[in-house]
Protein backbone atom coordinates (compact mmCIF):
# COMPACT_ATOMS: atom_id res chain seq x y z
CA MET A 1 -9.66 -20.47 -15.88
CA SER A 2 -10.89 -17.50 -14.39
CA ASP A 3 -9.45 -15.92 -10.73
CA PRO A 4 -12.11 -16.61 -8.46
CA TYR A 5 -10.17 -13.71 -6.21
CA ARG A 6 -9.74 -11.26 -8.44
CA PRO A 7 -12.37 -8.27 -8.47
CA ARG A 8 -14.39 -7.59 -11.19
CA TYR A 9 -15.62 -3.50 -10.45
CA HIS A 10 -12.66 -2.81 -8.41
CA PHE A 11 -9.65 -1.41 -10.23
CA THR A 12 -6.47 -3.88 -10.82
CA PRO A 13 -3.57 -3.79 -12.93
CA PRO A 14 -3.57 -5.80 -16.09
CA ARG A 15 -0.90 -8.23 -14.51
CA GLY A 16 1.52 -8.38 -11.99
CA TRP A 17 1.76 -5.91 -8.59
CA MET A 18 0.29 -2.78 -7.63
CA ASN A 19 0.04 -0.80 -4.22
CA ASP A 20 -0.20 3.34 -3.78
CA PRO A 21 -2.38 5.18 -6.45
CA ASN A 22 -0.55 8.08 -7.37
CA GLY A 23 -1.57 11.14 -9.07
CA PRO A 24 -5.13 11.43 -9.94
CA ILE A 25 -5.83 14.39 -12.36
CA HIS A 26 -8.33 15.44 -14.63
CA TRP A 27 -6.59 16.31 -17.70
CA CYS A 28 -8.15 17.39 -21.35
CA GLY A 29 -11.63 15.88 -20.30
CA ARG A 30 -10.60 12.84 -18.87
CA TYR A 31 -9.70 11.56 -15.60
CA HIS A 32 -6.12 9.77 -15.32
CA LEU A 33 -4.80 7.51 -12.57
CA PHE A 34 -1.45 6.38 -11.95
CA TYR A 35 -0.41 3.90 -9.40
CA GLN A 36 2.95 1.89 -7.77
CA HIS A 37 3.45 -0.80 -10.33
CA ASN A 38 5.67 -4.02 -10.75
CA PRO A 39 4.60 -5.43 -13.92
CA ASP A 40 7.09 -8.38 -14.22
CA GLN A 41 6.28 -9.73 -10.90
CA THR A 42 3.52 -10.04 -8.19
CA VAL A 43 5.47 -8.88 -5.37
CA TRP A 44 6.73 -5.52 -4.22
CA GLY A 45 9.84 -4.14 -6.20
CA ASN A 46 10.92 -2.94 -9.40
CA LEU A 47 8.47 -0.04 -9.09
CA HIS A 48 7.15 1.64 -12.26
CA TRP A 49 3.88 4.46 -12.30
CA GLY A 50 1.30 2.47 -13.83
CA HIS A 51 -1.43 4.35 -15.73
CA ALA A 52 -5.02 4.16 -16.50
CA VAL A 53 -7.48 6.48 -17.95
CA SER A 54 -11.63 7.08 -17.79
CA ASP A 55 -14.36 9.06 -18.65
CA ASP A 56 -16.49 8.12 -15.66
CA LEU A 57 -14.68 7.29 -12.57
CA VAL A 58 -15.68 3.71 -12.79
CA ARG A 59 -14.43 2.14 -16.16
CA TRP A 60 -10.85 2.68 -16.82
CA GLN A 61 -8.50 1.78 -19.85
CA HIS A 62 -4.91 0.34 -19.36
CA MET A 63 -2.49 2.74 -20.99
CA PRO A 64 1.46 2.00 -21.16
CA VAL A 65 3.44 2.63 -17.72
CA ALA A 66 3.99 6.42 -17.59
CA LEU A 67 7.30 6.46 -15.82
CA GLY A 68 9.79 3.49 -16.09
CA ILE A 69 12.91 3.00 -14.39
CA PRO A 70 16.09 4.56 -16.27
CA ASP A 71 19.37 3.17 -15.95
CA ASP A 72 20.86 5.18 -13.57
CA ASP A 73 22.29 5.15 -9.82
CA LEU A 74 19.49 7.52 -8.50
CA HIS A 75 16.76 5.10 -9.35
CA ARG A 76 17.98 1.79 -8.93
CA HIS A 77 14.75 1.27 -6.39
CA GLY A 78 12.24 2.49 -8.75
CA VAL A 79 9.79 5.25 -9.12
CA TRP A 80 8.31 5.80 -5.96
CA SER A 81 5.21 7.04 -4.75
CA GLY A 82 4.21 10.50 -5.44
CA CYS A 83 1.77 13.33 -7.26
CA CYS A 84 0.65 15.16 -10.41
CA VAL A 85 -0.15 18.25 -10.75
CA ALA A 86 -1.15 21.10 -13.57
CA ASP A 87 1.31 23.58 -13.84
CA ASP A 88 1.01 27.35 -14.87
CA ASP A 89 2.85 26.43 -18.49
CA GLY A 90 0.23 23.93 -19.70
CA SER A 91 2.46 21.09 -18.66
CA ALA A 92 1.14 18.27 -16.40
CA ALA A 93 4.01 17.65 -13.68
CA ILE A 94 4.69 14.56 -11.67
CA LEU A 95 6.80 14.84 -8.74
CA TYR A 96 7.87 11.30 -7.20
CA SER A 97 10.38 10.03 -4.47
CA THR A 98 13.44 7.67 -4.66
CA HIS A 99 15.01 6.03 -2.22
CA ASP A 100 18.51 5.09 -1.27
CA PRO A 101 19.21 8.07 -2.00
CA SER A 102 15.97 9.76 -0.77
CA THR A 103 15.20 12.27 -3.60
CA VAL A 104 12.04 14.30 -4.96
CA CYS A 105 12.29 14.14 -8.60
CA LEU A 106 10.26 16.16 -11.48
CA ALA A 107 9.06 14.86 -14.95
CA ARG A 108 6.48 16.55 -17.22
CA SER A 109 4.41 15.81 -20.03
CA THR A 110 2.18 18.37 -22.63
CA ASP A 111 0.27 15.67 -24.59
CA ASP A 112 -3.59 15.21 -24.22
CA ASP A 113 -3.11 10.97 -22.93
CA LEU A 114 -0.22 11.64 -20.74
CA ARG A 115 1.60 8.99 -22.58
CA THR A 116 5.10 10.67 -22.72
CA TRP A 117 6.92 11.84 -19.89
CA THR A 118 10.05 14.08 -20.25
CA ARG A 119 12.44 13.92 -17.04
CA HIS A 120 13.76 17.50 -15.72
CA ALA A 121 17.33 17.51 -16.46
CA ASP A 122 18.72 18.72 -13.19
CA ASN A 123 16.83 15.86 -11.23
CA PRO A 124 16.62 15.56 -8.41
CA VAL A 125 14.81 18.75 -7.49
CA ILE A 126 15.21 17.99 -3.94
CA LEU A 127 18.23 15.64 -2.55
CA GLY A 128 17.83 14.09 1.36
CA LEU A 129 16.60 15.88 4.12
CA PRO A 130 17.51 19.24 5.16
CA GLU A 131 19.50 19.38 8.40
CA ALA A 132 16.63 21.05 10.14
CA ALA A 133 14.19 18.40 9.78
CA ARG A 134 16.03 15.93 11.57
CA PRO A 135 15.56 13.43 13.32
CA SER A 136 14.09 12.12 10.18
CA ASP A 137 15.28 9.00 8.56
CA ILE A 138 12.20 8.41 6.08
CA PHE A 139 11.87 11.06 3.42
CA ARG A 140 8.99 10.09 0.65
CA ASP A 141 5.76 10.60 -1.15
CA PRO A 142 5.93 14.31 -2.41
CA TYR A 143 2.47 15.93 -2.46
CA CYS A 144 1.83 19.40 -3.97
CA TRP A 145 -0.86 21.93 -3.85
CA ARG A 146 -1.17 26.16 -4.81
CA GLU A 147 -1.38 28.53 -2.16
CA ARG A 148 -0.63 32.14 -2.07
CA GLY A 149 0.58 32.27 -5.36
CA GLU A 150 3.45 29.33 -5.04
CA TRP A 151 3.34 25.79 -4.83
CA ARG A 152 3.67 24.10 -1.52
CA MET A 153 4.60 20.57 -0.83
CA ALA A 154 4.12 17.99 1.83
CA ILE A 155 6.60 14.96 2.34
CA GLY A 156 6.08 12.07 4.58
CA ALA A 157 8.77 11.70 7.02
CA GLY A 158 9.82 10.15 10.16
CA SER A 159 11.96 7.12 11.72
CA TRP A 160 11.83 3.81 12.90
CA ASP A 161 13.21 5.15 16.74
CA SER A 162 10.61 8.40 16.91
CA ASN A 163 7.21 9.38 14.98
CA GLY A 164 6.07 10.27 12.01
CA ALA A 165 5.72 13.98 10.47
CA ALA A 166 4.56 16.06 7.35
CA LEU A 167 7.67 18.09 6.22
CA LEU A 168 6.73 21.43 4.47
CA PHE A 169 8.24 22.96 1.38
CA ARG A 170 7.44 25.70 -1.08
CA SER A 171 8.92 27.05 -4.84
CA HIS A 172 7.76 29.39 -7.43
CA ASP A 173 8.63 26.77 -10.61
CA LEU A 174 8.38 23.04 -8.75
CA GLN A 175 12.04 22.82 -9.54
CA LYS A 176 13.76 24.80 -6.39
CA TRP A 177 12.14 24.15 -3.01
CA GLU A 178 12.75 25.75 0.05
CA TYR A 179 12.00 23.65 3.45
CA LEU A 180 9.72 26.00 5.39
CA GLY A 181 9.38 23.23 9.00
CA ARG A 182 7.22 20.28 10.28
CA LEU A 183 3.66 20.80 8.63
CA GLY A 184 2.45 18.07 11.29
CA GLU A 185 3.76 15.48 13.45
CA GLY A 186 2.89 12.58 15.68
CA PRO A 187 2.52 12.64 19.51
CA GLU A 188 5.79 12.48 21.69
CA GLU A 189 7.51 9.33 22.90
CA GLY A 190 5.24 8.21 25.48
CA GLY A 191 1.94 9.43 23.91
CA GLU A 192 -0.83 7.38 21.94
CA THR A 193 0.58 4.52 20.92
CA GLU A 194 -2.30 4.25 18.22
CA TRP A 195 -0.96 7.46 16.70
CA ARG A 196 2.79 6.46 16.39
CA GLY A 197 4.53 5.39 13.26
CA VAL A 198 6.57 6.95 10.21
CA TRP A 199 4.11 9.24 8.07
CA GLU A 200 3.70 8.06 4.66
CA CYS A 201 1.98 9.48 1.45
CA PRO A 202 0.32 12.85 3.20
CA LEU A 203 -2.61 14.93 1.75
CA PHE A 204 -3.33 18.13 2.77
CA TRP A 205 -6.17 20.46 1.83
CA LYS A 206 -8.80 23.01 2.89
CA ILE A 207 -12.61 22.10 3.13
CA ASP A 208 -14.86 25.34 3.60
CA ASP A 209 -12.87 26.42 6.60
CA THR A 210 -11.04 23.54 7.80
CA TYR A 211 -7.73 21.81 6.99
CA VAL A 212 -7.45 18.13 6.52
CA LEU A 213 -4.32 16.42 6.74
CA ILE A 214 -4.17 12.40 5.85
CA VAL A 215 -1.46 10.06 6.55
CA SER A 216 -0.53 6.39 6.19
CA SER A 217 1.07 5.57 9.22
CA LEU A 218 3.85 2.84 9.26
CA ASP A 219 4.82 1.29 12.69
CA ILE A 220 7.32 -1.57 12.58
CA ARG A 221 8.01 -1.25 16.18
CA SER A 222 4.65 -2.82 17.15
CA ASP A 223 4.02 -6.34 16.92
CA PRO A 224 2.81 -7.22 14.33
CA PRO A 225 3.62 -4.09 12.35
CA ARG A 226 0.78 -1.67 12.07
CA ALA A 227 -0.12 0.26 9.00
CA ARG A 228 -3.15 2.27 9.07
CA VAL A 229 -4.47 5.65 7.60
CA LEU A 230 -4.91 8.52 9.76
CA ALA A 231 -7.09 11.70 9.25
CA MET A 232 -6.84 14.82 11.05
CA THR A 233 -9.16 18.05 10.88
CA GLY A 234 -7.96 21.42 12.12
CA SER A 235 -6.54 25.01 11.66
CA TYR A 236 -3.30 26.11 9.74
CA ASP A 237 -1.64 29.37 9.71
CA GLY A 238 0.73 28.86 6.51
CA ILE A 239 3.36 26.96 8.31
CA ARG A 240 1.88 24.80 11.14
CA PHE A 241 -1.34 22.45 11.03
CA GLU A 242 -2.93 21.81 14.30
CA PRO A 243 -5.31 19.18 14.82
CA ARG A 244 -8.89 19.42 16.60
CA VAL A 245 -10.11 16.06 15.40
CA ARG A 246 -7.94 13.31 14.96
CA GLU A 247 -9.03 9.49 14.14
CA ARG A 248 -8.59 6.75 11.54
CA LEU A 249 -9.65 6.91 8.16
CA ASP A 250 -11.08 3.23 7.42
CA TYR A 251 -10.87 0.43 10.01
CA GLY A 252 -10.19 -2.44 8.09
CA ASP A 253 -6.58 -3.83 7.46
CA ALA A 254 -6.38 -3.94 3.77
CA PHE A 255 -7.18 0.10 3.45
CA TYR A 256 -3.69 2.27 2.72
CA ALA A 257 -1.73 4.80 0.98
CA PRO A 258 -4.80 6.68 -0.52
CA ASN A 259 -4.31 9.59 -3.05
CA VAL A 260 -6.99 12.37 -3.93
CA LEU A 261 -8.68 14.06 -6.88
CA HIS A 262 -9.71 17.41 -6.15
CA THR A 263 -12.59 18.16 -8.93
CA GLU A 264 -13.88 21.38 -10.79
CA ASN A 265 -17.31 21.15 -8.97
CA GLY A 266 -15.57 21.17 -5.81
CA ARG A 267 -15.60 17.40 -4.70
CA HIS A 268 -12.84 15.39 -3.20
CA ILE A 269 -12.65 12.31 -4.49
CA VAL A 270 -10.23 9.26 -2.74
CA TRP A 271 -8.66 6.23 -3.79
CA ALA A 272 -6.86 3.93 -1.79
CA TRP A 273 -4.94 0.74 -1.98
CA LEU A 274 -6.29 -2.33 -1.08
CA ARG A 275 -3.70 -4.93 0.14
CA GLU A 276 -3.68 -8.66 -0.16
CA CYS A 277 -4.90 -10.39 2.88
CA ARG A 278 -2.69 -13.63 2.34
CA SER A 279 1.17 -14.42 2.89
CA GLU A 280 3.31 -13.33 -0.28
CA ASP A 281 4.17 -17.09 -0.89
CA VAL A 282 0.57 -17.27 -2.23
CA GLY A 283 0.81 -13.88 -4.16
CA GLU A 284 3.92 -15.03 -6.11
CA GLN A 285 2.00 -17.62 -7.64
CA LEU A 286 -0.76 -15.28 -9.23
CA VAL A 287 -0.80 -13.08 -12.26
CA TRP A 288 -2.01 -10.02 -10.70
CA ALA A 289 -1.79 -8.76 -6.73
CA GLY A 290 -3.44 -5.87 -5.28
CA CYS A 291 -6.39 -3.66 -6.57
CA LEU A 292 -7.95 -0.15 -5.22
CA THR A 293 -10.95 0.83 -3.50
CA LEU A 294 -13.93 2.07 -5.35
CA PRO A 295 -13.79 5.96 -5.82
CA ARG A 296 -14.72 7.62 -2.21
CA VAL A 297 -16.36 11.13 -1.54
CA LEU A 298 -14.93 12.61 0.93
CA HIS A 299 -16.49 15.79 3.18
CA LEU A 300 -17.08 16.95 6.55
CA ASP A 301 -19.68 16.41 9.00
CA ARG A 302 -20.72 19.02 11.61
CA ASP A 303 -18.47 18.14 13.83
CA GLY A 304 -15.51 18.22 11.88
CA ARG A 305 -15.19 14.59 10.98
CA VAL A 306 -13.85 12.87 7.96
CA VAL A 307 -16.95 11.20 6.08
CA MET A 308 -16.53 8.99 3.32
CA ALA A 309 -19.02 7.38 0.91
CA ALA A 310 -19.08 5.89 -2.49
CA ALA A 311 -19.25 7.99 -5.57
CA PRO A 312 -22.37 8.43 -7.22
CA GLU A 313 -20.71 7.02 -10.35
CA VAL A 314 -20.24 3.86 -8.85
CA GLU A 315 -24.04 3.49 -9.38
CA GLN A 316 -23.53 3.36 -13.22
CA LEU A 317 -22.40 -0.38 -12.90
CA ARG A 318 -25.57 -1.46 -11.46
CA THR A 319 -27.02 -3.96 -13.87
CA PHE A 320 -30.02 -5.41 -12.08
CA THR A 321 -31.73 -4.52 -8.79
CA GLN A 322 -34.22 -6.43 -6.74
CA THR A 323 -35.68 -4.85 -3.61
CA TRP A 324 -37.11 -6.28 -0.67
CA GLU A 325 -39.80 -4.86 1.82
CA PRO A 326 -41.82 -6.45 4.89
CA GLY A 327 -44.64 -8.32 2.67
CA VAL A 328 -42.33 -9.23 -0.30
CA GLY A 329 -42.06 -12.96 1.13
CA GLU A 330 -39.71 -14.43 3.74
CA LEU A 331 -36.33 -12.56 3.84
CA ALA A 332 -34.27 -15.56 4.69
CA ALA A 333 -35.70 -17.47 1.34
CA TRP A 334 -35.10 -13.78 -0.51
CA LEU A 335 -31.90 -13.71 0.37
CA LYS A 336 -30.81 -17.04 -0.50
CA ALA A 337 -32.16 -16.94 -4.01
CA ARG A 338 -29.83 -13.46 -4.64
CA ALA A 339 -26.42 -15.33 -3.60
CA GLY A 340 -23.70 -13.77 -5.25
CA VAL A 341 -20.02 -12.36 -5.03
CA SER A 342 -20.13 -9.29 -7.28
CA LEU A 343 -22.77 -7.30 -5.58
CA GLU A 344 -23.79 -3.89 -3.58
CA ILE A 345 -25.97 -4.54 -0.69
CA GLU A 346 -28.09 -1.96 0.92
CA LEU A 347 -29.57 -2.97 4.02
CA THR A 348 -31.67 -0.99 6.15
CA TRP A 349 -32.52 -1.80 10.29
CA HIS A 350 -35.35 -0.06 11.99
CA GLY A 351 -34.49 1.88 15.25
CA GLY A 352 -35.20 -0.36 18.45
CA ARG A 353 -33.19 -3.35 18.70
CA SER A 354 -32.20 -6.34 21.04
CA GLY A 355 -28.65 -7.83 20.20
CA PRO A 356 -26.39 -7.89 17.27
CA ARG A 357 -27.92 -7.66 13.67
CA GLY A 358 -26.32 -7.62 10.26
CA LEU A 359 -25.37 -9.97 7.17
CA ALA A 360 -23.20 -12.62 6.29
CA VAL A 361 -21.58 -13.01 2.84
CA CYS A 362 -20.21 -15.72 0.97
CA ALA A 363 -21.56 -18.33 3.18
CA ALA A 364 -21.62 -22.25 1.88
CA GLU A 365 -24.67 -23.75 2.10
CA ASP A 366 -23.13 -26.52 4.79
CA GLY A 367 -22.47 -23.87 7.30
CA SER A 368 -18.64 -24.48 7.11
CA GLU A 369 -17.55 -20.81 5.93
CA GLU A 370 -19.00 -17.58 6.11
CA THR A 371 -18.01 -13.88 6.64
CA ARG A 372 -20.06 -11.90 9.10
CA ILE A 373 -20.87 -8.11 9.04
CA VAL A 374 -22.19 -7.19 12.39
CA HIS A 375 -23.40 -4.23 14.29
CA ASP A 376 -22.99 -4.85 17.87
CA PRO A 377 -24.86 -2.21 19.80
CA ASP A 378 -23.58 -3.33 23.33
CA ARG A 379 -20.37 -2.99 22.41
CA GLY A 380 -21.02 0.03 19.98
CA LEU A 381 -18.86 -1.78 17.24
CA LEU A 382 -19.38 -2.74 13.59
CA LEU A 383 -17.43 -5.46 13.02
CA ILE A 384 -16.22 -7.72 9.98
CA ASP A 385 -15.72 -11.22 11.79
CA ARG A 386 -13.60 -13.55 9.64
CA SER A 387 -12.93 -16.11 12.02
CA ASP A 388 -15.09 -18.81 9.83
CA SER A 389 -13.91 -16.87 6.15
CA ARG A 390 -12.14 -19.85 4.82
CA ALA A 391 -13.04 -23.50 5.60
CA GLY A 392 -10.26 -25.49 7.35
CA GLU A 393 -6.79 -24.27 8.74
CA THR A 394 -5.30 -22.13 6.51
CA PRO A 395 -2.39 -19.90 7.86
CA SER A 396 -1.67 -17.78 4.62
CA VAL A 397 -4.78 -15.92 4.73
CA HIS A 398 -5.35 -13.62 7.35
CA SER A 399 -8.42 -14.39 9.82
CA GLN A 400 -8.62 -11.87 12.23
CA THR A 401 -11.61 -9.36 13.08
CA VAL A 402 -11.46 -6.02 12.07
CA SER A 403 -14.09 -3.19 13.76
CA ALA A 404 -15.01 0.60 14.01
CA PRO A 405 -16.47 2.17 16.60
CA LEU A 406 -20.27 2.38 15.63
CA ALA A 407 -22.36 3.91 18.70
CA THR A 408 -25.78 4.74 17.93
CA ARG A 409 -29.11 5.63 19.90
CA ALA A 410 -31.46 2.74 20.64
CA ASP A 411 -34.39 4.12 18.61
CA SER A 412 -31.82 5.26 15.68
CA PRO A 413 -32.41 3.21 12.12
CA LEU A 414 -28.94 1.78 10.87
CA GLU A 415 -28.12 1.95 7.19
CA LEU A 416 -25.22 -0.44 5.66
CA ARG A 417 -24.03 -0.19 2.48
CA ILE A 418 -21.94 -3.15 1.56
CA PHE A 419 -20.07 -3.45 -1.19
CA LEU A 420 -18.95 -7.43 -1.86
CA ASP A 421 -16.53 -8.31 -5.24
CA GLN A 422 -14.97 -11.84 -5.07
CA SER A 423 -12.25 -11.09 -2.54
CA VAL A 424 -13.00 -7.30 -1.66
CA LEU A 425 -15.25 -6.31 0.93
CA GLU A 426 -15.94 -2.11 1.65
CA VAL A 427 -18.80 -1.23 3.88
CA PHE A 428 -20.18 2.14 4.71
CA THR A 429 -22.28 3.56 7.10
CA GLY A 430 -23.19 7.02 6.36
CA THR A 431 -20.68 8.07 9.47
CA THR A 432 -17.23 8.11 9.81
CA ALA A 433 -17.14 4.29 10.14
CA CYS A 434 -15.87 2.49 7.18
CA LEU A 435 -14.67 -1.16 6.77
CA SER A 436 -12.45 -2.64 4.15
CA THR A 437 -10.95 -6.02 3.80
CA ARG A 438 -10.26 -8.93 1.79
CA ILE A 439 -11.63 -12.33 2.25
CA TYR A 440 -10.86 -15.35 0.31
CA PRO A 441 -13.35 -18.44 0.60
CA ALA A 442 -12.23 -21.77 -0.02
CA HIS A 443 -15.04 -23.04 -2.02
CA THR A 444 -16.31 -21.02 -4.97
CA SER A 445 -19.53 -22.46 -4.30
CA SER A 446 -19.51 -20.04 -0.76
CA ILE A 447 -21.91 -17.34 -2.17
CA GLY A 448 -24.83 -16.88 0.10
CA LEU A 449 -26.31 -14.56 2.01
CA ARG A 450 -27.75 -15.18 5.66
CA LEU A 451 -29.44 -12.40 7.60
CA ILE A 452 -27.93 -12.06 11.35
CA GLY A 453 -30.84 -10.72 13.86
CA ALA A 454 -34.57 -10.64 13.60
CA SER A 455 -36.10 -10.34 10.29
CA GLU A 456 -38.63 -7.84 11.60
CA GLN A 457 -36.71 -5.59 12.59
CA VAL A 458 -35.34 -4.97 8.70
CA LYS A 459 -36.93 -1.97 7.05
CA ALA A 460 -35.50 -2.93 3.70
CA VAL A 461 -33.21 -4.67 1.48
CA SER A 462 -31.61 -3.79 -1.82
CA ILE A 463 -29.25 -5.80 -3.92
CA HIS A 464 -27.64 -4.52 -6.96
CA GLU A 465 -25.85 -7.00 -9.52
CA MET A 466 -22.74 -5.20 -10.74
CA ALA A 467 -21.38 -4.93 -13.89
CA ALA A 468 -17.47 -5.54 -14.97
CA ILE A 469 -15.31 -2.57 -15.50
C-alpha cells in the first residue's frame, strides 16, 4: 500500500530518517547532494551522510552511503553536518562535525562518482573550541569558501544560556586551521528575543557587493522550543560581518538547516530540510521520515533583502497544464474538477480587494477538513491556516497557523505560487514572504481545491500536474 503522505516530487530518503542537507556540489558534470541520514530507523540518531546524484537538480538517483560511522570513540554519536568543496589538488573534500567531543573532521574523494571517501589520517583537524571563542558550548556544522588565496570556515556556535554565533577560521590546506574571531553573533541578552538561540548550519557568501549570512537558530529556552532560519545581509571586513538587514528566510514551521550550491553561472541554489510536523511516535511506524524543499534560487532585491523562488528546473516536472481565465467557465466548478495532491498552482489576483483572498487545498467534499492559504490584507499577512487541516482531534499532528508578513498596496496584484506534494506545502509570493509546512489530511479523498474570496478578483489560475522523481 502506498504512503499517502510521502512526497512524489520532493526528495526523500530511500528509507529511514533524513535531516540536514549537506555539501551540495557540482562534480564531474553532475550534481551531488549529501544529507544527514539514519538508514536503520525513522528517528534522529545513528547519523551517516546519505548521498544522491542528479543531472538536472530535480530528478535524483540514490547512491550508497557516502560516510558511515567508523568504530571509534570520536564518531560514537555519528557523522554530523558539514560541507563539500573542490580542493586545488583535484579532490573533493568533506568537512564535517562530530559531537562529544565536538570536532571538525576531513575526508577526501577523487573518483568521478564521489562514492569512495578516505578520512584524513590526523583527524580531527579542529578539536573543540579555542579558548578565545568562549562562552560557547555548541560547536558544529562547518561551511567553507575560498577567500584571498586561502580557505575560510564558518562554524555554528553558542550556548543554551547565551546567544548564537558563527565562528571564523582560516587554513591554507584544509588541515591546519587558525581561529580568527566571531564572524557574527546574536543580540545581547535582553535584546530581540526573536533572534535568540544557538546558531547552527551557517552559510556565508557574497552577492555583488553585499554579503549574506544565513544561520539556523535553535532556542530551547522558548516554550515551545523554537527553530527558525535567519537571513542577514550586510558588510564584511575580512573578519567581522555587520548586518544591515535581518529577517527570517522562510516563515513556515518545517523549514530548517538549509545548504547552498553556488553554480558556475552565478546562481545560488538552496535546499532545506522539511521536518515532519507530527509526533515521533507516529514517525517510528513509518518506512521514511523527512524530506527536502524544492531547489530554490536565492537572490537579493533592491533593498538588499533575500528573496527565494523555485528553481526554473522544477518546471521540467510539469506533465499537464490547464489554465483558467475569466470567460472560461465558473471558477469554483473549474477548480473542483482539477483536484489533486501533487500539483503546482499559480494564482494571480487583480489589484484592488476587499477582505481575505486565497485558496483552500486538500479539501474534503463534505467540508470536514481543508488547509487554507490566505492573504489577509488588513493584517498584512500571508497565512497557512491548518486549524481544519485534519478532521477530528489529532494531537500528534501540528495544527498551528503559520504566517509571513506580506504588506501590499490596495491596487497591487498578488501572485501566489503554491507547490502541493502529498504532505508538503511550499508557498512563494515573489517577495521575501515564503511559507513551508507539512500537512496530513485524515482522508485520502480530501483532495479538493476551493477559492477563498471573490472570483471576479482572480485574473488567472494555472494548475500543473507534477511528475514523480
